[in-house]
Amino acid sequence: LLVSFPDYQGAVIMRALSAYKIIIGTGSACAAEKQQASPSLSAMGLSSKESFGVIRISFGWQNTLNEIDDLLKILQDFIASY
């Protein structure tokens, strides 16, 4: 799942969630560690601002609905208090 929060930096969201042991990525998978907007995200029509606010969330068969609910609650609380 790729989500963009244009008024936030994906890296800041990633660090905040890691404090809760929630591991996510930023940007597109092919350019996650680069300091420029991903060509993949640009090709999808995202602006630079939208690209830098992207987080990637992966789910597996081991994830529970409670874990997803926890992620959503923590993410909402973080965004509301940013």
N, C-alpha and C. Protein backbone atom coordinates (compact mmCIF):
# COMPACT_ATOMS: atom_id res chain seq x y z
N LEU A 1 0.86 -1.17 0.00
CA LEU A 1 0.00 0.00 0.00
C LEU A 1 0.90 1.22 0.00
N LEU A 2 0.68 2.12 -0.94
CA LEU A 2 1.44 3.36 -1.01
C LEU A 2 0.49 4.51 -0.71
N VAL A 3 0.85 5.34 0.27
CA VAL A 3 0.01 6.46 0.69
C VAL A 3 0.87 7.71 0.71
N SER A 4 0.30 8.82 0.24
CA SER A 4 1.04 10.08 0.27
C SER A 4 0.37 11.05 1.25
N PHE A 5 1.21 11.65 2.07
CA PHE A 5 0.80 12.73 2.97
C PHE A 5 1.58 13.96 2.53
N PRO A 6 1.07 14.74 1.55
CA PRO A 6 1.83 15.82 0.92
C PRO A 6 2.37 16.87 1.88
N ASP A 7 1.72 17.11 2.99
CA ASP A 7 2.19 18.14 3.91
C ASP A 7 3.15 17.61 4.98
N TYR A 8 3.58 16.37 4.81
CA TYR A 8 4.47 15.71 5.78
C TYR A 8 5.62 15.06 5.04
N GLN A 9 6.69 14.78 5.74
CA GLN A 9 7.80 14.04 5.15
C GLN A 9 7.64 12.57 5.51
N GLY A 10 7.68 11.72 4.50
CA GLY A 10 7.56 10.29 4.73
C GLY A 10 8.59 9.77 5.72
N ALA A 11 9.82 10.31 5.65
CA ALA A 11 10.88 9.86 6.56
C ALA A 11 10.55 10.17 8.01
N VAL A 12 9.90 11.29 8.26
CA VAL A 12 9.51 11.66 9.63
C VAL A 12 8.43 10.71 10.13
N ILE A 13 7.46 10.41 9.27
CA ILE A 13 6.41 9.46 9.65
C ILE A 13 7.03 8.09 9.93
N MET A 14 7.97 7.68 9.09
CA MET A 14 8.62 6.37 9.26
C MET A 14 9.32 6.30 10.62
N ARG A 15 10.06 7.35 10.99
CA ARG A 15 10.75 7.35 12.29
C ARG A 15 9.76 7.34 13.45
N ALA A 16 8.67 8.09 13.33
CA ALA A 16 7.68 8.13 14.40
C ALA A 16 7.04 6.76 14.61
N LEU A 17 6.69 6.09 13.52
CA LEU A 17 6.06 4.77 13.65
C LEU A 17 7.04 3.72 14.15
N SER A 18 8.32 3.89 13.85
CA SER A 18 9.30 2.90 14.31
C SER A 18 9.40 2.88 15.83
N ALA A 19 9.05 3.98 16.49
CA ALA A 19 9.03 4.02 17.95
C ALA A 19 7.99 3.06 18.52
N TYR A 20 7.01 2.69 17.69
CA TYR A 20 5.96 1.74 18.08
C TYR A 20 6.21 0.36 17.48
N LYS A 21 7.42 0.16 16.97
CA LYS A 21 7.80 -1.11 16.34
C LYS A 21 7.01 -1.39 15.06
N ILE A 22 6.58 -0.32 14.41
CA ILE A 22 5.90 -0.42 13.12
C ILE A 22 6.91 -0.02 12.06
N ILE A 23 7.22 -0.94 11.18
CA ILE A 23 8.24 -0.71 10.17
C ILE A 23 7.55 -0.48 8.83
N ILE A 24 7.81 0.69 8.26
CA ILE A 24 7.28 1.03 6.94
C ILE A 24 8.45 1.53 6.10
N GLY A 25 8.20 1.73 4.82
CA GLY A 25 9.21 2.31 3.93
C GLY A 25 8.74 3.68 3.47
N THR A 26 9.64 4.37 2.77
CA THR A 26 9.29 5.66 2.18
C THR A 26 9.57 5.63 0.70
N GLY A 27 8.91 6.51 -0.02
CA GLY A 27 9.11 6.60 -1.46
C GLY A 27 8.72 5.32 -2.16
N SER A 28 9.21 5.17 -3.38
CA SER A 28 8.98 3.93 -4.10
C SER A 28 10.08 2.96 -3.72
N ALA A 29 9.84 1.69 -3.86
CA ALA A 29 10.83 0.68 -3.46
C ALA A 29 12.13 0.82 -4.25
N CYS A 30 12.06 1.30 -5.47
CA CYS A 30 13.27 1.40 -6.30
C CYS A 30 14.11 2.63 -5.98
N ALA A 31 13.60 3.55 -5.18
CA ALA A 31 14.34 4.78 -4.89
C ALA A 31 14.16 5.24 -3.45
N ALA A 32 13.98 4.31 -2.55
CA ALA A 32 13.63 4.67 -1.16
C ALA A 32 14.73 5.43 -0.44
N GLU A 33 15.99 5.21 -0.78
CA GLU A 33 17.09 5.84 -0.04
C GLU A 33 17.61 7.10 -0.71
N LYS A 34 17.03 7.52 -1.80
CA LYS A 34 17.51 8.68 -2.53
C LYS A 34 16.85 9.95 -2.01
N GLN A 35 17.54 11.08 -2.19
CA GLN A 35 17.05 12.36 -1.72
C GLN A 35 16.25 13.12 -2.77
N GLN A 36 15.96 12.48 -3.88
CA GLN A 36 15.17 13.13 -4.93
C GLN A 36 13.90 12.33 -5.16
N ALA A 37 12.96 12.96 -5.81
CA ALA A 37 11.69 12.29 -6.09
C ALA A 37 11.93 11.08 -6.98
N SER A 38 11.24 10.01 -6.70
CA SER A 38 11.37 8.78 -7.46
C SER A 38 10.82 8.94 -8.87
N PRO A 39 11.55 8.47 -9.88
CA PRO A 39 11.01 8.49 -11.24
C PRO A 39 9.70 7.69 -11.34
N SER A 40 9.58 6.63 -10.57
CA SER A 40 8.35 5.82 -10.59
C SER A 40 7.16 6.62 -10.09
N LEU A 41 7.36 7.36 -9.01
CA LEU A 41 6.27 8.16 -8.47
C LEU A 41 5.94 9.33 -9.40
N SER A 42 6.96 9.91 -10.00
CA SER A 42 6.72 10.98 -10.98
C SER A 42 5.92 10.45 -12.16
N ALA A 43 6.25 9.23 -12.62
CA ALA A 43 5.53 8.63 -13.74
C ALA A 43 4.08 8.35 -13.38
N MET A 44 3.81 8.16 -12.10
CA MET A 44 2.43 7.95 -11.65
C MET A 44 1.67 9.27 -11.55
N GLY A 45 2.38 10.38 -11.76
CA GLY A 45 1.73 11.69 -11.72
C GLY A 45 1.85 12.42 -10.41
N LEU A 46 2.66 11.92 -9.46
CA LEU A 46 2.82 12.58 -8.17
C LEU A 46 3.80 13.74 -8.31
N SER A 47 3.50 14.83 -7.66
CA SER A 47 4.41 15.98 -7.62
C SER A 47 5.56 15.65 -6.66
N SER A 48 6.58 16.52 -6.65
CA SER A 48 7.69 16.32 -5.70
C SER A 48 7.18 16.35 -4.27
N LYS A 49 6.28 17.28 -3.97
CA LYS A 49 5.72 17.39 -2.62
C LYS A 49 4.99 16.12 -2.24
N GLU A 50 4.19 15.59 -3.14
CA GLU A 50 3.47 14.34 -2.88
C GLU A 50 4.44 13.17 -2.73
N SER A 51 5.48 13.14 -3.55
CA SER A 51 6.45 12.05 -3.51
C SER A 51 7.20 11.99 -2.19
N PHE A 52 7.58 13.16 -1.65
CA PHE A 52 8.32 13.17 -0.39
C PHE A 52 7.43 12.83 0.80
N GLY A 53 6.12 12.85 0.61
CA GLY A 53 5.20 12.47 1.68
C GLY A 53 4.73 11.03 1.60
N VAL A 54 5.33 10.25 0.70
CA VAL A 54 4.90 8.86 0.48
C VAL A 54 5.45 7.93 1.56
N ILE A 55 4.57 7.04 2.01
CA ILE A 55 5.01 5.91 2.84
C ILE A 55 4.50 4.64 2.17
N ARG A 56 5.26 3.56 2.34
CA ARG A 56 4.89 2.25 1.81
C ARG A 56 4.61 1.33 2.98
N ILE A 57 3.45 0.71 2.97
CA ILE A 57 3.05 -0.21 4.03
C ILE A 57 2.84 -1.57 3.40
N SER A 58 3.53 -2.56 3.92
CA SER A 58 3.38 -3.93 3.43
C SER A 58 2.66 -4.77 4.47
N PHE A 59 1.83 -5.65 3.98
CA PHE A 59 1.09 -6.56 4.85
C PHE A 59 1.41 -7.99 4.43
N GLY A 60 1.42 -8.87 5.40
CA GLY A 60 1.63 -10.29 5.13
C GLY A 60 0.56 -11.11 5.81
N TRP A 61 0.61 -12.39 5.55
CA TRP A 61 -0.40 -13.27 6.12
C TRP A 61 -0.31 -13.30 7.65
N GLN A 62 0.85 -12.91 8.20
CA GLN A 62 1.02 -12.92 9.65
C GLN A 62 0.34 -11.73 10.34
N ASN A 63 0.05 -10.68 9.58
CA ASN A 63 -0.57 -9.50 10.18
C ASN A 63 -2.01 -9.79 10.57
N THR A 64 -2.39 -9.23 11.72
CA THR A 64 -3.75 -9.41 12.21
C THR A 64 -4.55 -8.12 11.98
N LEU A 65 -5.85 -8.24 12.05
CA LEU A 65 -6.70 -7.06 11.94
C LEU A 65 -6.43 -6.08 13.09
N ASN A 66 -6.11 -6.61 14.26
CA ASN A 66 -5.77 -5.73 15.39
C ASN A 66 -4.51 -4.92 15.11
N GLU A 67 -3.52 -5.54 14.46
CA GLU A 67 -2.31 -4.80 14.11
C GLU A 67 -2.60 -3.69 13.11
N ILE A 68 -3.47 -3.95 12.18
CA ILE A 68 -3.85 -2.94 11.20
C ILE A 68 -4.60 -1.80 11.89
N ASP A 69 -5.50 -2.15 12.79
CA ASP A 69 -6.21 -1.13 13.57
C ASP A 69 -5.23 -0.28 14.38
N ASP A 70 -4.23 -0.94 15.00
CA ASP A 70 -3.21 -0.22 15.77
C ASP A 70 -2.44 0.74 14.87
N LEU A 71 -2.03 0.27 13.70
CA LEU A 71 -1.32 1.12 12.74
C LEU A 71 -2.14 2.36 12.41
N LEU A 72 -3.40 2.16 12.08
CA LEU A 72 -4.26 3.28 11.71
C LEU A 72 -4.41 4.27 12.85
N LYS A 73 -4.59 3.77 14.06
CA LYS A 73 -4.75 4.64 15.24
C LYS A 73 -3.48 5.45 15.49
N ILE A 74 -2.35 4.78 15.47
CA ILE A 74 -1.07 5.46 15.73
C ILE A 74 -0.78 6.48 14.63
N LEU A 75 -1.04 6.11 13.38
CA LEU A 75 -0.80 7.02 12.26
C LEU A 75 -1.73 8.24 12.36
N GLN A 76 -3.00 8.02 12.67
CA GLN A 76 -3.94 9.15 12.83
C GLN A 76 -3.50 10.06 13.96
N ASP A 77 -3.10 9.48 15.08
CA ASP A 77 -2.65 10.30 16.22
C ASP A 77 -1.42 11.11 15.86
N PHE A 78 -0.49 10.49 15.13
CA PHE A 78 0.73 11.21 14.74
C PHE A 78 0.39 12.38 13.82
N ILE A 79 -0.41 12.11 12.78
CA ILE A 79 -0.77 13.15 11.82
C ILE A 79 -1.51 14.29 12.52
N ALA A 80 -2.40 13.98 13.44
CA ALA A 80 -3.16 15.00 14.16
C ALA A 80 -2.28 15.87 15.04
N SER A 81 -1.18 15.31 15.53
CA SER A 81 -0.32 16.07 16.46
C SER A 81 0.93 16.64 15.81
N TYR A 82 1.12 16.42 14.52
CA TYR A 82 2.35 16.84 13.81
C TYR A 82 2.47 18.33 13.74
